[in-house]
Every structure is written in structure tokens, then in C-alpha cells.
Protein backbone atom coordinates (compact mmCIF):
# COMPACT_ATOMS: atom_id res chain seq x y z
CA MET A 1 139.75 21.51 143.44
CA ALA A 2 140.03 18.26 141.52
CA SER A 3 143.14 16.97 143.38
CA ASP A 4 145.04 17.63 146.45
CA LYS A 5 148.20 16.81 144.47
CA LEU A 6 147.99 19.89 142.36
CA GLN A 7 149.21 23.05 143.89
CA SER A 8 146.99 26.11 143.84
CA VAL A 9 148.52 29.47 142.91
CA ASN A 10 147.05 32.89 143.67
CA ASP A 11 147.71 36.41 142.44
CA ASP A 12 150.45 36.95 145.13
CA ASN A 13 152.63 33.88 144.28
CA PHE A 14 151.75 33.46 140.51
CA GLU A 15 155.00 35.12 139.22
CA SER A 16 157.35 33.26 141.43
CA VAL A 17 155.73 29.98 140.53
CA ILE A 18 155.99 30.48 136.81
CA ALA A 19 159.45 31.97 136.92
CA SER A 20 160.94 28.51 137.54
CA ASP A 21 163.33 26.96 135.09
CA THR A 22 160.82 23.92 135.09
CA PRO A 23 158.03 24.58 132.62
CA CYS A 24 154.79 25.29 134.30
CA LEU A 25 151.26 24.54 133.13
CA VAL A 26 148.66 26.67 134.77
CA ASP A 27 144.89 25.49 134.70
CA PHE A 28 142.70 28.66 135.03
CA TRP A 29 139.36 27.24 136.43
CA ALA A 30 136.38 27.87 138.54
CA PRO A 31 134.36 25.52 140.87
CA TRP A 32 131.15 26.19 139.05
CA CYS A 33 132.69 25.51 135.57
CA GLY A 34 131.43 22.08 134.31
CA PRO A 35 134.06 21.81 131.52
CA CYS A 36 136.81 22.65 134.13
CA LYS A 37 135.48 19.67 136.18
CA ALA A 38 135.60 17.52 133.01
CA ILE A 39 139.29 18.02 132.20
CA GLY A 40 140.41 18.04 135.83
CA PRO A 41 141.27 14.35 135.92
CA VAL A 42 143.25 14.66 132.64
CA VAL A 43 145.25 17.57 134.06
CA GLU A 44 145.97 15.60 137.15
CA ALA A 45 147.08 12.57 135.12
CA LEU A 46 149.40 14.68 133.10
CA ALA A 47 150.84 16.16 136.34
CA ASP A 48 151.61 12.70 137.39
CA GLU A 49 153.06 11.66 134.04
CA TYR A 50 155.37 14.76 133.80
CA GLU A 51 156.34 14.78 137.32
CA GLY A 52 159.80 16.10 137.61
CA LYS A 53 159.71 17.76 134.04
CA LEU A 54 156.63 19.96 134.44
CA THR A 55 154.96 21.83 137.24
CA VAL A 56 151.21 21.84 137.03
CA VAL A 57 149.21 24.34 139.07
CA LYS A 58 145.50 25.57 139.25
CA MET A 59 144.25 28.98 139.70
CA ASN A 60 140.69 29.83 140.68
CA VAL A 61 139.69 32.73 138.68
CA ASP A 62 137.02 33.78 140.98
CA ASP A 63 139.47 34.17 143.99
CA ASN A 64 142.23 35.62 141.69
CA PRO A 65 140.88 38.25 139.20
CA ALA A 66 144.29 40.02 138.56
CA THR A 67 146.22 37.31 136.91
CA PRO A 68 143.49 36.03 134.50
CA GLY A 69 142.94 39.73 133.51
CA LYS A 70 146.67 40.15 132.90
CA PHE A 71 146.46 37.29 130.37
CA SER A 72 143.17 38.32 128.88
CA ILE A 73 141.46 35.12 129.94
CA ARG A 74 137.79 35.42 128.90
CA ALA A 75 136.80 31.66 128.98
CA ILE A 76 137.61 28.88 131.26
CA PRO A 77 139.07 26.30 131.42
CA THR A 78 142.17 28.03 129.86
CA LEU A 79 145.52 26.36 130.24
CA ILE A 80 148.74 28.32 129.66
CA LEU A 81 152.16 26.83 129.41
CA PHE A 82 154.95 28.99 130.70
CA LYS A 83 158.73 28.40 130.51
CA SER A 84 161.17 30.74 132.50
CA GLY A 85 158.21 33.05 133.21
CA GLU A 86 157.33 33.48 129.52
CA LYS A 87 154.15 32.32 127.98
CA VAL A 88 154.78 29.62 125.50
CA ASP A 89 151.28 28.75 124.31
CA GLN A 90 147.72 28.33 125.61
CA ILE A 91 144.70 26.34 124.94
CA THR A 92 141.03 27.14 125.79
CA GLY A 93 138.19 24.68 126.44
CA ALA A 94 137.58 21.22 127.51
CA VAL A 95 140.11 19.62 125.11
CA GLY A 96 141.35 16.00 125.00
CA LYS A 97 144.56 14.65 126.46
CA PRO A 98 146.41 14.62 123.06
CA GLN A 99 145.97 18.38 122.60
CA LEU A 100 147.23 18.95 126.28
CA VAL A 101 150.28 16.69 125.65
CA GLU A 102 150.93 18.54 122.40
CA LEU A 103 150.85 21.87 124.36
CA ILE A 104 153.08 20.49 127.05
CA GLU A 105 155.62 19.11 124.75
CA LYS A 106 156.21 22.67 123.19
CA GLY A 107 157.74 23.60 126.49
CA LEU A 108 160.01 20.69 127.19
């Protein structure tokens, strides 16, 4: 994982994490994924910038197949923004910080 600061979620605790009133950005990734590693520092920086307003978590798709399947994730990295347990929007691929900020702002 790119950061010790970012919480990992799994198939067992995923629903409880995204059900919070605080918007939650989930980074679906895998250790072997180059683009996932490329956006890791950006995701980490956004977690710091939006601390208190946004929860940012990571889910390893290799270790947790049920949740990515539920959301039809076919490519990684995929980042999905949830608010009160509902999917707000998602973005796939190693995108830049402006695109991630735009995604996050939709849920705030």
C-alpha cells in the first residue's frame, strides 16, 4: 500500500465504511498495478487535504473480489465516491489531481 495513513477496507467492513455521513472515496487497486502506484501519492495527498471532510480508503481487488464485482469494476485503478452509502460517481485510470478533485467536490 502506498501509505500507512490510508485505511484499508475489505469485503467484510466495506458497507459500514461507506455508510458514514462523511463522503468516502474508495481507491480500488492492486499491488501489481503500475497506474495504481502512479496515482497513489495523489490519492494520499487528497486524503490529507480533505481530512475531516472526506474519508479515503483503499481496497486491494486481489484480496477482496466480492466488492469490486458488485460495482462491476473491470479495470484499475478505479476510484468511487460514496455519500451515505450511495455511489455518487466514479473515475477509472491514472487520472490527474484536477479530475480527482472534481470527483470529490461532487460529494461535498
